Each structure stands twice: as structure tokens, then as C-alpha cells.
């Protein structure tokens, strides 16, 4: 079963309208979507719980509310989850999260990025790299940082729309190709 794009957009729009436009709240809502979807995909009991028409929607919503409260998200989003349960759209939450994250990135001008470094660097050096990336791209990033000694030096940046390879390895490969 695939999600109809208009339903996904309607859910995302409703979530954004009902949440504060603050970074932390938006990220927590994304985490809630991910948590519910992961439970749906990996836990047979949870999947049976949300899909069982004999279980009242109020019980299902109460469970989602408890997750929301644990994450510290305001209750304004409850009516969106009520709608999701009403139309049995829990299976679509993976797509909802993907679109929601994209809209949040546009709203906050914040993107997720993988920053691959050849080795661990001190915090001041890392901040210089992050600033250079921000100055070059004009965007803020939520960085996941990993190490890969094969880069020899420099860094590799991967985002949803950009790959920036400033590694020694890439420079050497380019030189060898002539």
C-alpha cells in the first residue's frame, strides 16, 4: 500500500501548522514520527494494536499521546494523530516523516549532513570546518561526524543535495588521472 501524496502533504501541513516553529519542537515531532513508524514496522504487537478495528481509537491515541508527552511535544499535534488514526495512515508515517523533514529543513534552513573526517580533530578545528561549510553553502547543518582514515586528510561532506569532497585522497586520485 503506497501513500497518496495529497494525504501525506495534508498531514505534514497540519503538523507544521500546529507546532511551534522552533527548531527543538520541530525535531522532536520528527523523532515522534520516526518512533511510531519504527514501532509499526518492527513490532508485530504494536502493528496489530493500531490496525485492529476492535480497539477504540481513543486507546490508540492515548498511547501516542504518552509518547508525545515523553518527548515534551505540545498537545496541539494530537488532533493530527487523531486524523492519522481515523484514516488508518500509520503505515504512511515513513513517507510523512520524509516530507516533514524536508519541509523542516526548508523552514529552518537546516539540513542533515554527514561530515567524514580523516581523523578526530579538536573542537576549535571542527568549528572552523563547520563555519567554512556554512559560508560556502549558505546553510546550517545538523552534522553527523564519522572518521575514515582512507581520506588521508581533509573532509567529505554529504547532504541530501550536495557532495563536497575536500579530501587528500580525492586530490591524489585527481592528480593520478592527470
Protein backbone atom coordinates (compact mmCIF):
# COMPACT_ATOMS: atom_id res chain seq x y z
CA UNK A 1 0.00 0.00 0.00
CA UNK A 2 1.53 3.32 -1.00
CA UNK A 3 0.74 6.70 0.48
CA UNK A 4 -1.27 9.10 -1.61
CA UNK A 5 0.80 12.28 -1.94
CA UNK A 6 -2.13 14.57 -1.12
CA UNK A 7 -2.75 12.77 2.19
CA UNK A 8 0.93 12.95 3.11
CA UNK A 9 1.05 16.68 2.28
CA UNK A 10 -2.14 17.32 4.27
CA UNK A 11 -0.71 15.56 7.34
CA UNK A 12 2.62 17.39 7.08
CA UNK A 13 0.89 20.75 6.65
CA UNK A 14 -1.31 20.07 9.69
CA UNK A 15 1.69 19.07 11.82
CA UNK A 16 3.58 22.22 10.85
CA UNK A 17 0.56 24.47 11.47
CA UNK A 18 0.08 23.05 14.97
CA UNK A 19 3.66 23.12 16.14
CA UNK A 20 5.83 25.96 17.28
CA UNK A 21 8.24 26.90 14.55
CA UNK A 22 11.11 26.37 16.98
CA UNK A 23 13.92 24.04 15.98
CA UNK A 24 13.71 21.80 19.04
CA UNK A 25 9.95 21.25 18.79
CA UNK A 26 10.13 20.50 15.07
CA UNK A 27 12.93 17.99 15.58
CA UNK A 28 11.06 16.30 18.43
CA UNK A 29 7.98 15.94 16.21
CA UNK A 30 10.20 14.29 13.58
CA UNK A 31 11.51 11.93 16.26
CA UNK A 32 7.94 11.08 17.27
CA UNK A 33 7.02 10.25 13.67
CA UNK A 34 10.11 8.07 13.37
CA UNK A 35 9.43 6.30 16.66
CA UNK A 36 5.83 5.46 15.79
CA UNK A 37 6.78 4.29 12.30
CA UNK A 38 9.65 2.12 13.62
CA UNK A 39 7.30 0.57 16.16
CA UNK A 40 4.80 -0.10 13.38
CA UNK A 41 7.43 -1.69 11.13
CA UNK A 42 9.28 -3.76 13.73
CA UNK A 43 6.78 -4.65 16.47
CA UNK A 44 4.07 -7.09 15.47
CA UNK A 45 2.07 -6.37 18.66
CA UNK A 46 2.08 -2.63 18.03
CA UNK A 47 1.11 -3.12 14.39
CA UNK A 48 -1.78 -5.32 15.48
CA UNK A 49 -2.78 -2.77 18.10
CA UNK A 50 -3.02 0.19 15.69
CA UNK A 51 -4.60 -1.78 12.86
CA UNK A 52 -7.18 -3.66 14.95
CA UNK A 53 -10.61 -2.11 14.25
CA UNK A 54 -11.95 -3.55 17.53
CA UNK A 55 -9.60 -1.44 19.64
CA UNK A 56 -11.08 2.03 20.20
CA UNK A 57 -9.26 4.87 18.51
CA UNK A 58 -9.11 6.63 21.91
CA UNK A 59 -6.84 3.89 23.31
CA UNK A 60 -4.55 4.16 20.31
CA UNK A 61 -4.46 7.93 20.63
CA UNK A 62 -3.75 7.66 24.36
CA UNK A 63 -0.67 5.56 23.59
CA UNK A 64 0.57 8.10 21.02
CA UNK A 65 -0.13 10.92 23.49
CA UNK A 66 2.06 9.17 26.08
CA UNK A 67 4.92 9.04 23.55
CA UNK A 68 4.35 12.70 22.68
CA UNK A 69 4.43 13.70 26.34
CA UNK A 70 7.67 11.79 26.94
CA UNK A 71 9.29 13.73 24.11
CA UNK A 72 7.95 17.02 25.50
CA UNK A 73 5.84 17.95 22.48
CA UNK A 74 2.82 20.20 22.95
CA UNK A 75 -0.65 18.64 22.67
CA UNK A 76 -1.66 20.66 19.59
CA UNK A 77 -0.47 17.79 17.37
CA UNK A 78 -2.90 15.32 18.99
CA UNK A 79 -5.66 16.18 16.53
CA UNK A 80 -3.31 15.36 13.65
CA UNK A 81 -2.59 11.94 15.13
CA UNK A 82 -6.33 11.51 15.69
CA UNK A 83 -6.79 12.13 11.95
CA UNK A 84 -3.93 9.72 11.11
CA UNK A 85 -5.62 7.01 13.17
CA UNK A 86 -9.04 7.85 11.70
CA UNK A 87 -7.86 7.26 8.14
CA UNK A 88 -5.51 4.38 9.07
CA UNK A 89 -2.46 6.26 7.84
CA UNK A 90 0.08 4.85 10.34
CA UNK A 91 1.62 2.76 7.51
CA UNK A 92 2.36 6.05 5.69
CA UNK A 93 4.36 7.63 8.53
CA UNK A 94 7.69 6.80 6.88
CA UNK A 95 6.72 8.94 3.90
CA UNK A 96 5.14 11.57 6.18
CA UNK A 97 8.41 11.82 8.11
CA UNK A 98 10.46 12.15 4.92
CA UNK A 99 8.29 15.01 3.63
CA UNK A 100 8.05 16.59 7.10
CA UNK A 101 11.85 16.57 7.48
CA UNK A 102 12.23 18.16 4.05
CA UNK A 103 9.78 20.94 4.96
CA UNK A 104 11.50 21.49 8.32
CA UNK A 105 14.86 21.76 6.56
CA UNK A 106 13.43 24.43 4.24
CA UNK A 107 11.74 26.26 7.11
CA UNK A 108 14.80 26.33 9.36
CA UNK A 109 17.36 26.43 6.55
CA UNK A 110 18.85 23.46 8.34
CA UNK A 111 19.89 20.25 6.68
CA UNK A 112 21.28 16.99 7.93
CA UNK A 113 24.81 16.33 6.79
CA UNK A 114 27.36 13.58 7.09
CA UNK A 115 30.82 15.02 7.72
CA UNK A 116 33.57 12.46 7.19
CA UNK A 117 36.96 13.38 8.62
CA UNK A 118 40.24 11.53 8.12
CA UNK A 119 40.88 11.64 11.87
CA UNK A 120 39.50 13.15 15.05
CA UNK A 121 40.12 16.89 15.29
CA UNK A 122 39.86 19.24 18.25
CA UNK A 123 36.67 21.24 18.77
CA UNK A 124 38.09 24.56 17.53
CA UNK A 125 39.28 22.98 14.27
CA UNK A 126 35.91 21.26 13.83
CA UNK A 127 34.11 24.60 14.31
CA UNK A 128 36.33 26.17 11.60
CA UNK A 129 35.36 23.37 9.18
CA UNK A 130 31.67 23.79 10.01
CA UNK A 131 31.90 27.56 9.53
CA UNK A 132 33.66 27.14 6.17
CA UNK A 133 30.92 24.75 5.04
CA UNK A 134 28.20 27.17 6.17
CA UNK A 135 29.92 30.09 4.41
CA UNK A 136 30.30 28.05 1.21
CA UNK A 137 26.73 26.66 1.13
CA UNK A 138 24.78 29.37 2.95
CA UNK A 139 23.05 26.73 5.11
CA UNK A 140 23.20 25.45 8.65
CA UNK A 141 23.67 21.72 9.07
CA UNK A 142 22.94 19.18 11.75
CA UNK A 143 26.19 17.23 11.43
CA UNK A 144 26.77 13.54 11.95
CA UNK A 145 30.53 13.19 12.20
CA UNK A 146 32.42 9.99 11.37
CA UNK A 147 36.08 9.17 10.81
CA UNK A 148 37.59 7.47 7.76
CA UNK A 149 41.41 7.25 7.73
CA UNK A 150 41.32 6.41 4.00
CA UNK A 151 40.65 10.11 3.30
CA UNK A 152 44.26 10.75 4.44
CA UNK A 153 43.36 14.37 5.26
CA UNK A 154 40.65 16.94 4.63
CA UNK A 155 36.96 16.07 4.75
CA UNK A 156 33.98 14.78 2.81
CA UNK A 157 30.54 16.37 3.21
CA UNK A 158 27.37 14.57 2.12
CA UNK A 159 23.90 16.12 2.26
CA UNK A 160 20.66 15.30 0.50
CA UNK A 161 21.56 17.68 -2.32
CA UNK A 162 25.34 18.10 -2.20
CA UNK A 163 28.56 16.11 -2.01
CA UNK A 164 31.67 18.16 -1.30
CA UNK A 165 34.90 16.17 -1.37
CA UNK A 166 37.81 18.17 0.02
CA UNK A 167 39.91 15.14 0.92
CA UNK A 168 43.56 14.46 0.21
CA UNK A 169 42.52 11.09 -1.20
CA UNK A 170 40.34 12.77 -3.87
CA UNK A 171 43.12 15.25 -4.70
CA UNK A 172 45.62 12.41 -5.17
CA UNK A 173 43.17 10.47 -7.35
CA UNK A 174 42.62 13.55 -9.50
CA UNK A 175 46.39 14.05 -9.88
CA UNK A 176 46.90 10.42 -10.87
CA UNK A 177 44.19 10.65 -13.55
CA UNK A 178 46.03 13.66 -14.95
